Amino acid sequence: MGAIRRRVHMAEYYRQFAFVSSVLAGFAFTFYATLLAIDRQNRPASWAAFLTVAASICFLVVTLGTTFSAARVAGLTNEAELPFELAAQRAPLSVLFLLGILLLLASFGLGGWIRSRRLGAATTAAALLGVIAVFFALSPFLQRAT
């Protein structure tokens, strides 16, 4: 019973990771589309657009990696059967996920500079607080390199 429970937990871990990554990828890309409508001469808008695309790409890679991993893990009878390739990719996918979040938060911080210095300072401060909150909230769940 314990092996089956671990298998379900591993598959669910990958499914949830894939789901959250795909939602964030869509959100980042939507934010990118919004930024494209802003005047081309606006340097913060250009950098924010770049950061949202980079974030979206990070999330897309994580979504693909974890979706297909979930399909492989679903057929295993215990965690010890986890293929080396899947075990080896967990830490890099976690890092890529965090990178995507950092890039997205950086684009939020830059987004305020499009309007004014005051709003830019406020959105930058909010983004920095977001970075701290994200690391606090996710640190127990992300796979670390061993």
C-alpha atoms as a PDB file:
ATOM      1  CA  MET A   1       0.000   0.000   0.000  1.00  0.00           C
ATOM      2  CA  GLY A   2       2.867   2.408   0.810  1.00  0.00           C
ATOM      3  CA  ALA A   3       4.446   1.949  -2.642  1.00  0.00           C
ATOM      4  CA  ILE A   4       1.146   2.713  -4.360  1.00  0.00           C
ATOM      5  CA  ARG A   5       0.671   5.783  -2.185  1.00  0.00           C
ATOM      6  CA  ARG A   6       4.184   7.042  -3.083  1.00  0.00           C
ATOM      7  CA  ARG A   7       3.472   6.446  -6.771  1.00  0.00           C
ATOM      8  CA  VAL A   8       0.286   8.494  -6.549  1.00  0.00           C
ATOM      9  CA  HIS A   9       2.129  11.223  -4.663  1.00  0.00           C
ATOM     10  CA  MET A  10       4.946  11.357  -7.227  1.00  0.00           C
ATOM     11  CA  ALA A  11       2.500  11.516 -10.121  1.00  0.00           C
ATOM     12  CA  GLU A  12       0.474  14.185  -8.336  1.00  0.00           C
ATOM     13  CA  TYR A  13       3.647  16.190  -7.613  1.00  0.00           C
ATOM     14  CA  TYR A  14       4.450  16.242 -11.331  1.00  0.00           C
ATOM     15  CA  ARG A  15       0.846  16.992 -12.331  1.00  0.00           C
ATOM     16  CA  GLN A  16       0.545  19.938  -9.955  1.00  0.00           C
ATOM     17  CA  PHE A  17       3.935  21.300 -10.965  1.00  0.00           C
ATOM     18  CA  ALA A  18       2.895  21.063 -14.631  1.00  0.00           C
ATOM     19  CA  PHE A  19      -0.463  22.724 -13.971  1.00  0.00           C
ATOM     20  CA  VAL A  20       0.962  25.673 -12.046  1.00  0.00           C
ATOM     21  CA  SER A  21       3.731  26.146 -14.620  1.00  0.00           C
ATOM     22  CA  SER A  22       1.277  26.149 -17.507  1.00  0.00           C
ATOM     23  CA  VAL A  23      -0.967  28.715 -15.814  1.00  0.00           C
ATOM     24  CA  LEU A  24       2.010  30.962 -15.085  1.00  0.00           C
ATOM     25  CA  ALA A  25       3.289  30.552 -18.670  1.00  0.00           C
ATOM     26  CA  GLY A  26      -0.070  31.699 -20.007  1.00  0.00           C
ATOM     27  CA  PHE A  27      -0.188  34.592 -17.589  1.00  0.00           C
ATOM     28  CA  ALA A  28       3.354  35.705 -18.494  1.00  0.00           C
ATOM     29  CA  PHE A  29       2.614  35.509 -22.196  1.00  0.00           C
ATOM     30  CA  THR A  30      -0.606  37.504 -21.755  1.00  0.00           C
ATOM     31  CA  PHE A  31       1.338  40.161 -19.882  1.00  0.00           C
ATOM     32  CA  TYR A  32       3.834  40.166 -22.768  1.00  0.00           C
ATOM     33  CA  ALA A  33       1.034  40.766 -25.260  1.00  0.00           C
ATOM     34  CA  THR A  34      -0.164  43.711 -23.179  1.00  0.00           C
ATOM     35  CA  LEU A  35       3.325  45.189 -23.077  1.00  0.00           C
ATOM     36  CA  LEU A  36       3.618  44.985 -26.862  1.00  0.00           C
ATOM     37  CA  ALA A  37       0.876  47.597 -27.170  1.00  0.00           C
ATOM     38  CA  ILE A  38       3.034  50.190 -25.383  1.00  0.00           C
ATOM     39  CA  ASP A  39       5.085  52.773 -27.300  1.00  0.00           C
ATOM     40  CA  ARG A  40       8.266  51.288 -28.798  1.00  0.00           C
ATOM     41  CA  GLN A  41      10.416  54.103 -27.409  1.00  0.00           C
ATOM     42  CA  ASN A  42       9.703  53.056 -23.827  1.00  0.00           C
ATOM     43  CA  ARG A  43      12.816  51.231 -22.598  1.00  0.00           C
ATOM     44  CA  PRO A  44      11.271  49.775 -19.393  1.00  0.00           C
ATOM     45  CA  ALA A  45       8.412  48.356 -21.459  1.00  0.00           C
ATOM     46  CA  SER A  46      10.879  46.682 -23.803  1.00  0.00           C
ATOM     47  CA  TRP A  47      12.795  45.097 -20.940  1.00  0.00           C
ATOM     48  CA  ALA A  48       9.583  44.061 -19.191  1.00  0.00           C
ATOM     49  CA  ALA A  49       8.391  42.433 -22.429  1.00  0.00           C
ATOM     50  CA  PHE A  50      11.680  40.548 -22.745  1.00  0.00           C
ATOM     51  CA  LEU A  51      11.455  39.351 -19.142  1.00  0.00           C
ATOM     52  CA  THR A  52       7.887  38.112 -19.591  1.00  0.00           C
ATOM     53  CA  VAL A  53       8.860  36.126 -22.689  1.00  0.00           C
ATOM     54  CA  ALA A  54      11.831  34.633 -20.854  1.00  0.00           C
ATOM     55  CA  ALA A  55       9.577  33.732 -17.914  1.00  0.00           C
ATOM     56  CA  SER A  56       7.015  32.187 -20.232  1.00  0.00           C
ATOM     57  CA  ILE A  57       9.702  30.062 -21.889  1.00  0.00           C
ATOM     58  CA  CYS A  58      10.968  28.853 -18.495  1.00  0.00           C
ATOM     59  CA  PHE A  59       7.443  27.871 -17.489  1.00  0.00           C
ATOM     60  CA  LEU A  60       6.847  26.164 -20.828  1.00  0.00           C
ATOM     61  CA  VAL A  61       9.935  23.978 -20.397  1.00  0.00           C
ATOM     62  CA  VAL A  62       8.883  23.076 -16.843  1.00  0.00           C
ATOM     63  CA  THR A  63       5.349  22.293 -18.046  1.00  0.00           C
ATOM     64  CA  LEU A  64       6.615  19.961 -20.752  1.00  0.00           C
ATOM     65  CA  GLY A  65       9.133  18.248 -18.498  1.00  0.00           C
ATOM     66  CA  THR A  66       6.747  17.670 -15.631  1.00  0.00           C
ATOM     67  CA  THR A  67       3.775  16.681 -17.797  1.00  0.00           C
ATOM     68  CA  PHE A  68       5.675  13.896 -19.499  1.00  0.00           C
ATOM     69  CA  SER A  69       7.306  12.901 -16.215  1.00  0.00           C
ATOM     70  CA  ALA A  70       3.857  12.509 -14.659  1.00  0.00           C
ATOM     71  CA  ALA A  71       2.905  10.103 -17.432  1.00  0.00           C
ATOM     72  CA  ARG A  72       6.036   8.016 -16.814  1.00  0.00           C
ATOM     73  CA  VAL A  73       5.703   8.037 -13.025  1.00  0.00           C
ATOM     74  CA  ALA A  74       2.039   6.990 -13.142  1.00  0.00           C
ATOM     75  CA  GLY A  75       3.022   3.487 -14.258  1.00  0.00           C
ATOM     76  CA  LEU A  76       5.681   2.875 -11.605  1.00  0.00           C
ATOM     77  CA  THR A  77       5.058   0.715  -8.572  1.00  0.00           C
ATOM     78  CA  ASN A  78       7.493   2.530  -6.256  1.00  0.00           C
ATOM     79  CA  GLU A  79       9.771   5.546  -6.132  1.00  0.00           C
ATOM     80  CA  ALA A  80      12.884   3.356  -6.323  1.00  0.00           C
ATOM     81  CA  GLU A  81      11.914   2.559  -9.934  1.00  0.00           C
ATOM     82  CA  LEU A  82      12.128   6.228 -10.914  1.00  0.00           C
ATOM     83  CA  PRO A  83      14.402   6.311 -13.973  1.00  0.00           C
ATOM     84  CA  PHE A  84      17.666   8.191 -13.554  1.00  0.00           C
ATOM     85  CA  GLU A  85      16.646  10.695 -16.254  1.00  0.00           C
ATOM     86  CA  LEU A  86      13.527  11.700 -14.320  1.00  0.00           C
ATOM     87  CA  ALA A  87      15.303  11.868 -10.986  1.00  0.00           C
ATOM     88  CA  ALA A  88      18.086  13.957 -12.541  1.00  0.00           C
ATOM     89  CA  GLN A  89      15.701  16.477 -14.077  1.00  0.00           C
ATOM     90  CA  ARG A  90      13.769  17.316 -10.912  1.00  0.00           C
ATOM     91  CA  ALA A  91      16.335  19.773  -9.526  1.00  0.00           C
ATOM     92  CA  PRO A  92      16.943  21.599 -12.852  1.00  0.00           C
ATOM     93  CA  LEU A  93      13.184  21.907 -13.435  1.00  0.00           C
ATOM     94  CA  SER A  94      12.780  23.349  -9.940  1.00  0.00           C
ATOM     95  CA  VAL A  95      15.511  25.890 -10.639  1.00  0.00           C
ATOM     96  CA  LEU A  96      13.940  26.763 -13.994  1.00  0.00           C
ATOM     97  CA  PHE A  97      10.553  27.192 -12.306  1.00  0.00           C
ATOM     98  CA  LEU A  98      12.067  29.595  -9.775  1.00  0.00           C
ATOM     99  CA  LEU A  99      13.877  31.445 -12.542  1.00  0.00           C
ATOM    100  CA  GLY A 100      10.572  31.867 -14.367  1.00  0.00           C
ATOM    101  CA  ILE A 101       8.967  33.297 -11.247  1.00  0.00           C
ATOM    102  CA  LEU A 102      11.891  35.664 -10.701  1.00  0.00           C
ATOM    103  CA  LEU A 103      11.731  36.860 -14.306  1.00  0.00           C
ATOM    104  CA  LEU A 104       7.982  37.385 -14.039  1.00  0.00           C
ATOM    105  CA  LEU A 105       8.345  39.334 -10.799  1.00  0.00           C
ATOM    106  CA  ALA A 106      11.134  41.410 -12.368  1.00  0.00           C
ATOM    107  CA  SER A 107       8.820  42.267 -15.261  1.00  0.00           C
ATOM    108  CA  PHE A 108       6.176  43.352 -12.746  1.00  0.00           C
ATOM    109  CA  GLY A 109       8.746  45.554 -11.035  1.00  0.00           C
ATOM    110  CA  LEU A 110       9.771  47.105 -14.354  1.00  0.00           C
ATOM    111  CA  GLY A 111       6.161  47.547 -15.403  1.00  0.00           C
ATOM    112  CA  GLY A 112       5.618  50.413 -12.998  1.00  0.00           C
ATOM    113  CA  TRP A 113       8.513  52.395 -14.478  1.00  0.00           C
ATOM    114  CA  ILE A 114       6.511  52.642 -17.692  1.00  0.00           C
ATOM    115  CA  ARG A 115       4.127  55.074 -15.983  1.00  0.00           C
ATOM    116  CA  SER A 116       6.260  57.006 -13.486  1.00  0.00           C
ATOM    117  CA  ARG A 117       9.213  56.923 -11.101  1.00  0.00           C
ATOM    118  CA  ARG A 118       6.923  56.797  -8.122  1.00  0.00           C
ATOM    119  CA  LEU A 119       4.960  53.827  -9.448  1.00  0.00           C
ATOM    120  CA  GLY A 120       8.217  52.212 -10.591  1.00  0.00           C
ATOM    121  CA  ALA A 121       9.674  52.431  -7.098  1.00  0.00           C
ATOM    122  CA  ALA A 122       6.469  50.963  -5.652  1.00  0.00           C
ATOM    123  CA  THR A 123       6.270  48.060  -8.120  1.00  0.00           C
ATOM    124  CA  THR A 124       9.967  47.317  -7.669  1.00  0.00           C
ATOM    125  CA  ALA A 125       9.503  47.183  -3.892  1.00  0.00           C
ATOM    126  CA  ALA A 126       6.446  44.962  -4.315  1.00  0.00           C
ATOM    127  CA  ALA A 127       8.375  42.651  -6.661  1.00  0.00           C
ATOM    128  CA  LEU A 128      11.239  42.361  -4.158  1.00  0.00           C
ATOM    129  CA  LEU A 129       8.785  41.487  -1.397  1.00  0.00           C
ATOM    130  CA  GLY A 130       7.264  38.965  -3.814  1.00  0.00           C
ATOM    131  CA  VAL A 131      10.656  37.324  -4.304  1.00  0.00           C
ATOM    132  CA  ILE A 132      11.039  36.890  -0.548  1.00  0.00           C
ATOM    133  CA  ALA A 133       7.498  35.529  -0.225  1.00  0.00           C
ATOM    134  CA  VAL A 134       7.968  33.094  -3.129  1.00  0.00           C
ATOM    135  CA  PHE A 135      11.157  31.644  -1.676  1.00  0.00           C
ATOM    136  CA  PHE A 136       9.511  31.342   1.729  1.00  0.00           C
ATOM    137  CA  ALA A 137       6.403  29.664   0.300  1.00  0.00           C
ATOM    138  CA  LEU A 138       8.136  27.321  -2.148  1.00  0.00           C
ATOM    139  CA  SER A 139      11.360  26.354  -0.422  1.00  0.00           C
ATOM    140  CA  PRO A 140       9.905  23.225   1.227  1.00  0.00           C
ATOM    141  CA  PHE A 141       8.491  21.965  -2.082  1.00  0.00           C
ATOM    142  CA  LEU A 142      11.212  22.485  -4.645  1.00  0.00           C
ATOM    143  CA  GLN A 143      13.699  19.727  -5.394  1.00  0.00           C
ATOM    144  CA  ARG A 144      17.263  20.590  -4.423  1.00  0.00           C
ATOM    145  CA  ALA A 145      20.365  19.297  -6.146  1.00  0.00           C
ATOM    146  CA  THR A 146      22.092  16.668  -4.063  1.00  0.00           C
END
